[in-house]
Amino acid sequence: EIYLMAWYRQSPGKLRDWVASFSSDDFPTYTDSVKGRFTIDRDNGKN
């Protein structure tokens, strides 16, 4: 059972930051810096 699938990113000298996620209820969330530019989506199997 998948609870969460998410994208993170890491630049040199910085910590790994959360970017976007897609929870098991199909609700997507985004960090403010990518809202309006990035879109997360999934296939029907949620894998």
All heavy atoms as atom14 arrays in JSON, in Angstrom:
{
  "sequence": "EIYLMAWYRQSPGKLRDWVASFSSDDFPTYTDSVKGRFTIDRDNGKN",
  "atom14_mask": [
    [1, 1, 1, 1, 1, 1, 1, 1, 1, 0, 0, 0, 0, 0],
    [1, 1, 1, 1, 1, 1, 1, 1, 0, 0, 0, 0, 0, 0],
    [1, 1, 1, 1, 1, 1, 1, 1, 1, 1, 1, 1, 0, 0],
    [1, 1, 1, 1, 1, 1, 1, 1, 0, 0, 0, 0, 0, 0],
    [1, 1, 1, 1, 1, 1, 1, 1, 0, 0, 0, 0, 0, 0],
    [1, 1, 1, 1, 1, 0, 0, 0, 0, 0, 0, 0, 0, 0],
    [1, 1, 1, 1, 1, 1, 1, 1, 1, 1, 1, 1, 1, 1],
    [1, 1, 1, 1, 1, 1, 1, 1, 1, 1, 1, 1, 0, 0],
    [1, 1, 1, 1, 1, 1, 1, 1, 1, 1, 1, 0, 0, 0],
    [1, 1, 1, 1, 1, 1, 1, 1, 1, 0, 0, 0, 0, 0],
    [1, 1, 1, 1, 1, 1, 0, 0, 0, 0, 0, 0, 0, 0],
    [1, 1, 1, 1, 1, 1, 1, 0, 0, 0, 0, 0, 0, 0],
    [1, 1, 1, 1, 0, 0, 0, 0, 0, 0, 0, 0, 0, 0],
    [1, 1, 1, 1, 1, 1, 1, 1, 1, 0, 0, 0, 0, 0],
    [1, 1, 1, 1, 1, 1, 1, 1, 0, 0, 0, 0, 0, 0],
    [1, 1, 1, 1, 1, 1, 1, 1, 1, 1, 1, 0, 0, 0],
    [1, 1, 1, 1, 1, 1, 1, 1, 0, 0, 0, 0, 0, 0],
    [1, 1, 1, 1, 1, 1, 1, 1, 1, 1, 1, 1, 1, 1],
    [1, 1, 1, 1, 1, 1, 1, 0, 0, 0, 0, 0, 0, 0],
    [1, 1, 1, 1, 1, 0, 0, 0, 0, 0, 0, 0, 0, 0],
    [1, 1, 1, 1, 1, 1, 0, 0, 0, 0, 0, 0, 0, 0],
    [1, 1, 1, 1, 1, 1, 1, 1, 1, 1, 1, 0, 0, 0],
    [1, 1, 1, 1, 1, 1, 0, 0, 0, 0, 0, 0, 0, 0],
    [1, 1, 1, 1, 1, 1, 0, 0, 0, 0, 0, 0, 0, 0],
    [1, 1, 1, 1, 1, 1, 1, 1, 0, 0, 0, 0, 0, 0],
    [1, 1, 1, 1, 1, 1, 1, 1, 0, 0, 0, 0, 0, 0],
    [1, 1, 1, 1, 1, 1, 1, 1, 1, 1, 1, 0, 0, 0],
    [1, 1, 1, 1, 1, 1, 1, 0, 0, 0, 0, 0, 0, 0],
    [1, 1, 1, 1, 1, 1, 1, 0, 0, 0, 0, 0, 0, 0],
    [1, 1, 1, 1, 1, 1, 1, 1, 1, 1, 1, 1, 0, 0],
    [1, 1, 1, 1, 1, 1, 1, 0, 0, 0, 0, 0, 0, 0],
    [1, 1, 1, 1, 1, 1, 1, 1, 0, 0, 0, 0, 0, 0],
    [1, 1, 1, 1, 1, 1, 0, 0, 0, 0, 0, 0, 0, 0],
    [1, 1, 1, 1, 1, 1, 1, 0, 0, 0, 0, 0, 0, 0],
    [1, 1, 1, 1, 1, 1, 1, 1, 1, 0, 0, 0, 0, 0],
    [1, 1, 1, 1, 0, 0, 0, 0, 0, 0, 0, 0, 0, 0],
    [1, 1, 1, 1, 1, 1, 1, 1, 1, 1, 1, 0, 0, 0],
    [1, 1, 1, 1, 1, 1, 1, 1, 1, 1, 1, 0, 0, 0],
    [1, 1, 1, 1, 1, 1, 1, 0, 0, 0, 0, 0, 0, 0],
    [1, 1, 1, 1, 1, 1, 1, 1, 0, 0, 0, 0, 0, 0],
    [1, 1, 1, 1, 1, 1, 1, 1, 0, 0, 0, 0, 0, 0],
    [1, 1, 1, 1, 1, 1, 1, 1, 1, 1, 1, 0, 0, 0],
    [1, 1, 1, 1, 1, 1, 1, 1, 0, 0, 0, 0, 0, 0],
    [1, 1, 1, 1, 1, 1, 1, 1, 0, 0, 0, 0, 0, 0],
    [1, 1, 1, 1, 0, 0, 0, 0, 0, 0, 0, 0, 0, 0],
    [1, 1, 1, 1, 1, 1, 1, 1, 1, 0, 0, 0, 0, 0],
    [1, 1, 1, 1, 1, 1, 1, 1, 0, 0, 0, 0, 0, 0]
  ],
  "atom14_positions": [
    [[0.85, -1.18, 0.0], [0.0, 0.0, 0.0], [0.89, 1.23, 0.0], [1.7, 1.42, 0.9], [-0.92, 0.01, 1.22], [-1.84, 1.21, 1.28], [-2.67, 1.26, 2.53], [-2.5, 0.37, 3.39], [-3.5, 2.18, 2.66], [0.0, 0.0, 0.0], [0.0, 0.0, 0.0], [0.0, 0.0, 0.0], [0.0, 0.0, 0.0], [0.0, 0.0, 0.0]],
    [[0.74, 2.07, -1.01], [1.54, 3.29, -1.12], [0.82, 4.42, -0.42], [-0.32, 4.74, -0.73], [1.8, 3.63, -2.59], [2.66, 2.55, -3.25], [2.48, 4.99, -2.71], [2.91, 2.78, -4.72], [0.0, 0.0, 0.0], [0.0, 0.0, 0.0], [0.0, 0.0, 0.0], [0.0, 0.0, 0.0], [0.0, 0.0, 0.0], [0.0, 0.0, 0.0]],
    [[1.52, 5.02, 0.52], [0.98, 6.16, 1.25], [1.27, 7.48, 0.55], [0.46, 8.41, 0.6], [1.55, 6.21, 2.67], [1.33, 4.98, 3.49], [2.34, 4.48, 4.31], [0.11, 4.31, 3.49], [2.15, 3.36, 5.09], [-0.09, 3.18, 4.25], [0.92, 2.71, 5.06], [0.73, 1.59, 5.83], [0.0, 0.0, 0.0], [0.0, 0.0, 0.0]],
    [[2.44, 7.56, -0.08], [2.89, 8.82, -0.64], [3.93, 8.57, -1.71], [4.82, 7.75, -1.55], [3.5, 9.7, 0.47], [4.15, 11.01, 0.06], [3.07, 12.04, -0.25], [5.07, 11.52, 1.15], [0.0, 0.0, 0.0], [0.0, 0.0, 0.0], [0.0, 0.0, 0.0], [0.0, 0.0, 0.0], [0.0, 0.0, 0.0], [0.0, 0.0, 0.0]],
    [[3.82, 9.29, -2.81], [4.88, 9.38, -3.79], [5.2, 10.86, -3.98], [4.29, 11.67, -4.1], [4.5, 8.73, -5.12], [4.25, 7.23, -5.0], [4.02, 6.38, -6.59], [5.7, 6.39, -7.23], [0.0, 0.0, 0.0], [0.0, 0.0, 0.0], [0.0, 0.0, 0.0], [0.0, 0.0, 0.0], [0.0, 0.0, 0.0], [0.0, 0.0, 0.0]],
    [[6.47, 11.17, -3.99], [6.86, 12.58, -3.95], [8.14, 12.81, -4.72], [8.95, 11.91, -4.93], [7.04, 13.04, -2.5], [0.0, 0.0, 0.0], [0.0, 0.0, 0.0], [0.0, 0.0, 0.0], [0.0, 0.0, 0.0], [0.0, 0.0, 0.0], [0.0, 0.0, 0.0], [0.0, 0.0, 0.0], [0.0, 0.0, 0.0], [0.0, 0.0, 0.0]],
    [[8.31, 14.06, -5.14], [9.53, 14.53, -5.77], [10.27, 15.45, -4.82], [9.67, 16.33, -4.2], [9.24, 15.28, -7.07], [8.77, 14.41, -8.19], [7.5, 14.22, -8.6], [9.6, 13.62, -9.04], [7.45, 13.35, -9.66], [8.73, 12.97, -9.96], [10.97, 13.39, -9.14], [9.21, 12.11, -10.94], [11.44, 12.53, -10.11], [10.56, 11.9, -11.0]],
    [[11.56, 15.24, -4.7], [12.47, 16.09, -3.96], [13.58, 16.54, -4.89], [13.79, 15.95, -5.96], [13.07, 15.36, -2.76], [12.11, 15.04, -1.64], [11.13, 14.07, -1.78], [12.2, 15.71, -0.42], [10.26, 13.77, -0.75], [11.33, 15.42, 0.62], [10.37, 14.44, 0.45], [9.51, 14.14, 1.48], [0.0, 0.0, 0.0], [0.0, 0.0, 0.0]],
    [[14.3, 17.57, -4.48], [15.46, 17.98, -5.26], [16.56, 18.46, -4.33], [16.31, 18.91, -3.22], [15.1, 19.07, -6.27], [14.65, 20.39, -5.67], [14.16, 21.32, -6.78], [13.71, 22.6, -6.26], [13.13, 23.54, -7.0], [12.92, 23.34, -8.29], [12.76, 24.68, -6.44], [0.0, 0.0, 0.0], [0.0, 0.0, 0.0], [0.0, 0.0, 0.0]],
    [[17.78, 18.35, -4.82], [18.94, 18.74, -4.03], [19.98, 19.39, -4.92], [20.4, 18.81, -5.92], [19.55, 17.52, -3.32], [20.66, 17.87, -2.35], [21.05, 16.69, -1.48], [20.79, 15.54, -1.83], [21.66, 16.97, -0.35], [0.0, 0.0, 0.0], [0.0, 0.0, 0.0], [0.0, 0.0, 0.0], [0.0, 0.0, 0.0], [0.0, 0.0, 0.0]],
    [[20.37, 20.6, -4.54], [21.42, 21.33, -5.22], [22.71, 21.22, -4.42], [22.67, 20.97, -3.21], [21.05, 22.81, -5.38], [19.86, 22.95, -6.14], [0.0, 0.0, 0.0], [0.0, 0.0, 0.0], [0.0, 0.0, 0.0], [0.0, 0.0, 0.0], [0.0, 0.0, 0.0], [0.0, 0.0, 0.0], [0.0, 0.0, 0.0], [0.0, 0.0, 0.0]],
    [[23.86, 21.4, -5.06], [25.13, 21.32, -4.33], [25.16, 22.27, -3.14], [24.81, 23.45, -3.25], [26.17, 21.72, -5.37], [25.54, 21.33, -6.67], [24.07, 21.62, -6.5], [0.0, 0.0, 0.0], [0.0, 0.0, 0.0], [0.0, 0.0, 0.0], [0.0, 0.0, 0.0], [0.0, 0.0, 0.0], [0.0, 0.0, 0.0], [0.0, 0.0, 0.0]],
    [[25.58, 21.76, -2.0], [25.69, 22.56, -0.79], [24.39, 22.81, -0.06], [24.38, 23.55, 0.93], [0.0, 0.0, 0.0], [0.0, 0.0, 0.0], [0.0, 0.0, 0.0], [0.0, 0.0, 0.0], [0.0, 0.0, 0.0], [0.0, 0.0, 0.0], [0.0, 0.0, 0.0], [0.0, 0.0, 0.0], [0.0, 0.0, 0.0], [0.0, 0.0, 0.0]],
    [[23.29, 22.21, -0.53], [22.01, 22.41, 0.11], [21.39, 21.08, 0.51], [21.77, 20.02, 0.02], [21.05, 23.16, -0.83], [21.47, 24.59, -1.13], [20.39, 25.34, -1.87], [20.75, 26.79, -2.08], [19.67, 27.55, -2.76], [0.0, 0.0, 0.0], [0.0, 0.0, 0.0], [0.0, 0.0, 0.0], [0.0, 0.0, 0.0], [0.0, 0.0, 0.0]],
    [[20.42, 21.17, 1.42], [19.69, 20.0, 1.84], [18.71, 19.56, 0.76], [18.34, 20.34, -0.12], [18.94, 20.28, 3.14], [19.77, 20.64, 4.37], [18.86, 21.01, 5.53], [20.67, 19.47, 4.76], [0.0, 0.0, 0.0], [0.0, 0.0, 0.0], [0.0, 0.0, 0.0], [0.0, 0.0, 0.0], [0.0, 0.0, 0.0], [0.0, 0.0, 0.0]],
    [[18.29, 18.33, 0.85], [17.29, 17.83, -0.06], [15.92, 18.4, 0.31], [15.45, 18.24, 1.43], [17.26, 16.3, -0.03], [16.37, 15.67, -1.08], [16.54, 14.15, -1.11], [17.9, 13.76, -1.47], [18.29, 12.51, -1.64], [17.44, 11.51, -1.47], [19.55, 12.25, -1.96], [0.0, 0.0, 0.0], [0.0, 0.0, 0.0], [0.0, 0.0, 0.0]],
    [[15.29, 19.08, -0.63], [14.03, 19.78, -0.38], [12.88, 19.07, -1.07], [13.01, 18.56, -2.19], [14.1, 21.22, -0.88], [15.05, 22.09, -0.1], [15.21, 21.86, 1.11], [15.64, 23.01, -0.7], [0.0, 0.0, 0.0], [0.0, 0.0, 0.0], [0.0, 0.0, 0.0], [0.0, 0.0, 0.0], [0.0, 0.0, 0.0], [0.0, 0.0, 0.0]],
    [[11.74, 19.09, -0.42], [10.52, 18.58, -1.01], [10.01, 19.51, -2.1], [10.04, 20.73, -1.94], [9.46, 18.41, 0.09], [8.08, 18.15, -0.42], [7.59, 16.99, -0.93], [7.0, 19.1, -0.45], [6.27, 17.14, -1.29], [5.89, 18.42, -1.0], [6.87, 20.43, -0.06], [4.65, 19.05, -1.17], [5.64, 21.05, -0.23], [4.56, 20.36, -0.78]],
    [[9.53, 18.95, -3.19], [9.04, 19.73, -4.32], [7.54, 19.54, -4.5], [6.79, 20.52, -4.57], [9.77, 19.36, -5.62], [9.18, 20.11, -6.81], [11.26, 19.64, -5.5], [0.0, 0.0, 0.0], [0.0, 0.0, 0.0], [0.0, 0.0, 0.0], [0.0, 0.0, 0.0], [0.0, 0.0, 0.0], [0.0, 0.0, 0.0], [0.0, 0.0, 0.0]],
    [[7.11, 18.3, -4.62], [5.7, 18.01, -4.87], [5.41, 16.59, -4.43], [6.31, 15.74, -4.38], [5.35, 18.18, -6.35], [0.0, 0.0, 0.0], [0.0, 0.0, 0.0], [0.0, 0.0, 0.0], [0.0, 0.0, 0.0], [0.0, 0.0, 0.0], [0.0, 0.0, 0.0], [0.0, 0.0, 0.0], [0.0, 0.0, 0.0], [0.0, 0.0, 0.0]],
    [[4.16, 16.33, -4.11], [3.79, 14.99, -3.67], [2.38, 14.64, -4.1], [1.55, 15.53, -4.36], [3.94, 14.84, -2.15], [3.15, 15.78, -1.46], [0.0, 0.0, 0.0], [0.0, 0.0, 0.0], [0.0, 0.0, 0.0], [0.0, 0.0, 0.0], [0.0, 0.0, 0.0], [0.0, 0.0, 0.0], [0.0, 0.0, 0.0], [0.0, 0.0, 0.0]],
    [[2.14, 13.36, -4.17], [0.85, 12.81, -4.58], [0.52, 11.71, -3.58], [1.14, 10.65, -3.59], [0.95, 12.23, -5.98], [-0.31, 12.34, -6.79], [-0.26, 12.37, -8.17], [-1.56, 12.4, -6.18], [-1.42, 12.46, -8.93], [-2.72, 12.5, -6.92], [-2.65, 12.52, -8.31], [0.0, 0.0, 0.0], [0.0, 0.0, 0.0], [0.0, 0.0, 0.0]],
    [[-0.43, 11.98, -2.72], [-0.78, 11.04, -1.67], [-1.74, 9.98, -2.19], [-2.23, 10.05, -3.33], [-1.39, 11.77, -0.47], [-2.6, 12.39, -0.82], [0.0, 0.0, 0.0], [0.0, 0.0, 0.0], [0.0, 0.0, 0.0], [0.0, 0.0, 0.0], [0.0, 0.0, 0.0], [0.0, 0.0, 0.0], [0.0, 0.0, 0.0], [0.0, 0.0, 0.0]],
    [[-2.04, 9.0, -1.34], [-2.91, 7.9, -1.74], [-4.34, 8.34, -2.0], [-5.09, 7.6, -2.65], [-2.9, 6.8, -0.67], [-3.33, 7.3, 0.59], [0.0, 0.0, 0.0], [0.0, 0.0, 0.0], [0.0, 0.0, 0.0], [0.0, 0.0, 0.0], [0.0, 0.0, 0.0], [0.0, 0.0, 0.0], [0.0, 0.0, 0.0], [0.0, 0.0, 0.0]],
    [[-4.73, 9.5, -1.52], [-6.06, 10.04, -1.82], [-6.08, 10.87, -3.1], [-7.07, 11.54, -3.38], [-6.6, 10.85, -0.63], [-5.78, 12.09, -0.33], [-4.74, 12.3, -0.98], [-6.18, 12.84, 0.58], [0.0, 0.0, 0.0], [0.0, 0.0, 0.0], [0.0, 0.0, 0.0], [0.0, 0.0, 0.0], [0.0, 0.0, 0.0], [0.0, 0.0, 0.0]],
    [[-4.99, 10.84, -3.86], [-4.86, 11.51, -5.15], [-4.83, 13.03, -5.05], [-5.13, 13.72, -6.03], [-5.98, 11.08, -6.11], [-5.91, 9.62, -6.48], [-4.85, 8.99, -6.28], [-6.93, 9.1, -6.97], [0.0, 0.0, 0.0], [0.0, 0.0, 0.0], [0.0, 0.0, 0.0], [0.0, 0.0, 0.0], [0.0, 0.0, 0.0], [0.0, 0.0, 0.0]],
    [[-4.47, 13.54, -3.9], [-4.43, 14.98, -3.72], [-3.0, 15.47, -3.88], [-2.13, 15.12, -3.09], [-4.96, 15.36, -2.34], [-5.03, 16.84, -2.1], [-6.03, 17.6, -2.68], [-4.1, 17.47, -1.29], [-6.1, 18.97, -2.46], [-4.16, 18.83, -1.06], [-5.17, 19.58, -1.65], [0.0, 0.0, 0.0], [0.0, 0.0, 0.0], [0.0, 0.0, 0.0]],
    [[-2.73, 16.3, -4.89], [-1.37, 16.79, -5.11], [-1.08, 18.06, -4.32], [-1.96, 18.91, -4.15], [-1.36, 17.08, -6.62], [-2.77, 17.49, -6.92], [-3.65, 16.68, -5.99], [0.0, 0.0, 0.0], [0.0, 0.0, 0.0], [0.0, 0.0, 0.0], [0.0, 0.0, 0.0], [0.0, 0.0, 0.0], [0.0, 0.0, 0.0], [0.0, 0.0, 0.0]],
    [[0.14, 18.17, -3.86], [0.59, 19.37, -3.17], [1.95, 19.78, -3.72], [2.71, 18.95, -4.21], [0.67, 19.18, -1.65], [1.51, 18.05, -1.36], [-0.71, 18.93, -1.06], [0.0, 0.0, 0.0], [0.0, 0.0, 0.0], [0.0, 0.0, 0.0], [0.0, 0.0, 0.0], [0.0, 0.0, 0.0], [0.0, 0.0, 0.0], [0.0, 0.0, 0.0]],
    [[2.26, 21.08, -3.59], [3.47, 21.64, -4.16], [4.12, 22.62, -3.21], [3.43, 23.3, -2.44], [3.16, 22.38, -5.47], [2.46, 21.56, -6.5], [1.07, 21.51, -6.55], [3.18, 20.83, -7.45], [0.42, 20.75, -7.51], [2.53, 20.08, -8.41], [1.15, 20.04, -8.44], [0.51, 19.29, -9.4], [0.0, 0.0, 0.0], [0.0, 0.0, 0.0]],
    [[5.42, 22.73, -3.31], [6.1, 23.81, -2.64], [5.82, 25.11, -3.39], [5.58, 25.11, -4.6], [7.61, 23.53, -2.54], [8.23, 24.46, -1.66], [8.27, 23.62, -3.91], [0.0, 0.0, 0.0], [0.0, 0.0, 0.0], [0.0, 0.0, 0.0], [0.0, 0.0, 0.0], [0.0, 0.0, 0.0], [0.0, 0.0, 0.0], [0.0, 0.0, 0.0]],
    [[5.83, 26.22, -2.67], [5.39, 27.49, -3.25], [6.21, 27.89, -4.48], [5.66, 28.48, -5.42], [5.48, 28.6, -2.21], [4.36, 28.54, -1.19], [3.36, 27.86, -1.43], [4.5, 29.2, -0.14], [0.0, 0.0, 0.0], [0.0, 0.0, 0.0], [0.0, 0.0, 0.0], [0.0, 0.0, 0.0], [0.0, 0.0, 0.0], [0.0, 0.0, 0.0]],
    [[7.48, 27.59, -4.5], [8.34, 28.06, -5.58], [8.04, 27.42, -6.93], [8.49, 27.94, -7.96], [9.81, 27.83, -5.21], [10.1, 26.46, -5.08], [0.0, 0.0, 0.0], [0.0, 0.0, 0.0], [0.0, 0.0, 0.0], [0.0, 0.0, 0.0], [0.0, 0.0, 0.0], [0.0, 0.0, 0.0], [0.0, 0.0, 0.0], [0.0, 0.0, 0.0]],
    [[7.28, 26.33, -6.96], [6.98, 25.67, -8.22], [5.51, 25.72, -8.58], [5.14, 25.25, -9.67], [7.47, 24.21, -8.23], [8.94, 24.13, -7.84], [6.61, 23.33, -7.32], [0.0, 0.0, 0.0], [0.0, 0.0, 0.0], [0.0, 0.0, 0.0], [0.0, 0.0, 0.0], [0.0, 0.0, 0.0], [0.0, 0.0, 0.0], [0.0, 0.0, 0.0]],
    [[4.68, 26.28, -7.72], [3.25, 26.36, -8.01], [3.0, 27.17, -9.29], [3.58, 28.23, -9.49], [2.5, 26.99, -6.84], [2.39, 26.1, -5.62], [1.62, 26.79, -4.5], [1.49, 25.88, -3.3], [0.81, 26.56, -2.17], [0.0, 0.0, 0.0], [0.0, 0.0, 0.0], [0.0, 0.0, 0.0], [0.0, 0.0, 0.0], [0.0, 0.0, 0.0]],
    [[2.15, 26.63, -10.13], [1.87, 27.27, -11.4], [2.82, 26.9, -12.51], [2.56, 27.21, -13.68], [0.0, 0.0, 0.0], [0.0, 0.0, 0.0], [0.0, 0.0, 0.0], [0.0, 0.0, 0.0], [0.0, 0.0, 0.0], [0.0, 0.0, 0.0], [0.0, 0.0, 0.0], [0.0, 0.0, 0.0], [0.0, 0.0, 0.0], [0.0, 0.0, 0.0]],
    [[3.92, 26.24, -12.18], [4.9, 25.84, -13.18], [5.05, 24.32, -13.28], [5.24, 23.8, -14.37], [6.27, 26.45, -12.87], [6.29, 27.97, -12.84], [7.7, 28.52, -12.75], [8.38, 28.1, -11.51], [9.51, 27.4, -11.48], [10.1, 27.03, -12.61], [10.05, 27.08, -10.31], [0.0, 0.0, 0.0], [0.0, 0.0, 0.0], [0.0, 0.0, 0.0]],
    [[4.98, 23.63, -12.15], [5.15, 22.19, -12.11], [3.81, 21.51, -11.85], [2.95, 22.04, -11.14], [6.11, 21.78, -10.99], [7.55, 22.17, -11.2], [7.95, 23.02, -12.2], [8.52, 21.66, -10.35], [9.27, 23.38, -12.38], [9.85, 22.0, -10.51], [10.23, 22.86, -11.52], [0.0, 0.0, 0.0], [0.0, 0.0, 0.0], [0.0, 0.0, 0.0]],
    [[3.65, 20.32, -12.41], [2.47, 19.52, -12.19], [2.88, 18.08, -11.94], [3.64, 17.51, -12.72], [1.51, 19.58, -13.39], [1.13, 20.94, -13.64], [0.25, 18.76, -13.1], [0.0, 0.0, 0.0], [0.0, 0.0, 0.0], [0.0, 0.0, 0.0], [0.0, 0.0, 0.0], [0.0, 0.0, 0.0], [0.0, 0.0, 0.0], [0.0, 0.0, 0.0]],
    [[2.38, 17.5, -10.86], [2.63, 16.1, -10.56], [1.4, 15.3, -10.94], [0.26, 15.74, -10.71], [3.0, 15.91, -9.07], [3.43, 14.46, -8.8], [1.88, 16.34, -8.15], [3.99, 14.25, -7.39], [0.0, 0.0, 0.0], [0.0, 0.0, 0.0], [0.0, 0.0, 0.0], [0.0, 0.0, 0.0], [0.0, 0.0, 0.0], [0.0, 0.0, 0.0]],
    [[1.59, 14.14, -11.53], [0.49, 13.26, -11.84], [0.96, 11.82, -11.78], [2.14, 11.55, -11.6], [-0.17, 13.59, -13.19], [0.8, 13.56, -14.35], [1.09, 12.45, -14.86], [1.26, 14.64, -14.76], [0.0, 0.0, 0.0], [0.0, 0.0, 0.0], [0.0, 0.0, 0.0], [0.0, 0.0, 0.0], [0.0, 0.0, 0.0], [0.0, 0.0, 0.0]],
    [[0.03, 10.88, -11.91], [0.34, 9.46, -11.76], [-0.41, 8.63, -12.78], [-1.36, 9.1, -13.42], [-0.01, 9.0, -10.35], [-1.5, 9.09, -10.03], [-1.87, 8.3, -8.81], [-3.29, 8.41, -8.5], [-4.24, 7.68, -9.07], [-3.91, 6.78, -10.0], [-5.51, 7.83, -8.71], [0.0, 0.0, 0.0], [0.0, 0.0, 0.0], [0.0, 0.0, 0.0]],
    [[0.0, 7.37, -12.9], [-0.76, 6.45, -13.72], [-1.87, 5.81, -12.89], [-1.95, 6.01, -11.67], [0.16, 5.4, -14.35], [0.74, 4.41, -13.35], [0.47, 4.52, -12.14], [1.49, 3.51, -13.8], [0.0, 0.0, 0.0], [0.0, 0.0, 0.0], [0.0, 0.0, 0.0], [0.0, 0.0, 0.0], [0.0, 0.0, 0.0], [0.0, 0.0, 0.0]],
    [[-2.7, 5.02, -13.54], [-3.85, 4.44, -12.85], [-3.45, 3.44, -11.77], [-4.2, 3.23, -10.82], [-4.79, 3.76, -13.85], [-5.52, 4.76, -14.74], [-5.72, 5.91, -14.37], [-5.93, 4.3, -15.91], [0.0, 0.0, 0.0], [0.0, 0.0, 0.0], [0.0, 0.0, 0.0], [0.0, 0.0, 0.0], [0.0, 0.0, 0.0], [0.0, 0.0, 0.0]],
    [[-2.31, 2.81, -11.93], [-1.86, 1.84, -10.96], [-1.16, 2.44, -9.75], [-0.8, 1.71, -8.84], [0.0, 0.0, 0.0], [0.0, 0.0, 0.0], [0.0, 0.0, 0.0], [0.0, 0.0, 0.0], [0.0, 0.0, 0.0], [0.0, 0.0, 0.0], [0.0, 0.0, 0.0], [0.0, 0.0, 0.0], [0.0, 0.0, 0.0], [0.0, 0.0, 0.0]],
    [[-0.92, 3.73, -9.79], [-0.3, 4.48, -8.69], [1.11, 4.0, -8.37], [1.61, 4.21, -7.27], [-1.17, 4.44, -7.43], [-2.51, 5.12, -7.57], [-3.26, 5.16, -6.24], [-4.58, 5.89, -6.37], [-5.3, 5.96, -5.08], [0.0, 0.0, 0.0], [0.0, 0.0, 0.0], [0.0, 0.0, 0.0], [0.0, 0.0, 0.0], [0.0, 0.0, 0.0]],
    [[1.76, 3.39, -9.32], [3.16, 3.0, -9.12], [4.12, 3.78, -10.01], [5.32, 3.5, -10.03], [3.34, 1.49, -9.34], [3.02, 1.06, -10.76], [2.47, 1.82, -11.55], [3.36, -0.18, -11.08], [0.0, 0.0, 0.0], [0.0, 0.0, 0.0], [0.0, 0.0, 0.0], [0.0, 0.0, 0.0], [0.0, 0.0, 0.0], [0.0, 0.0, 0.0]]
  ]
}
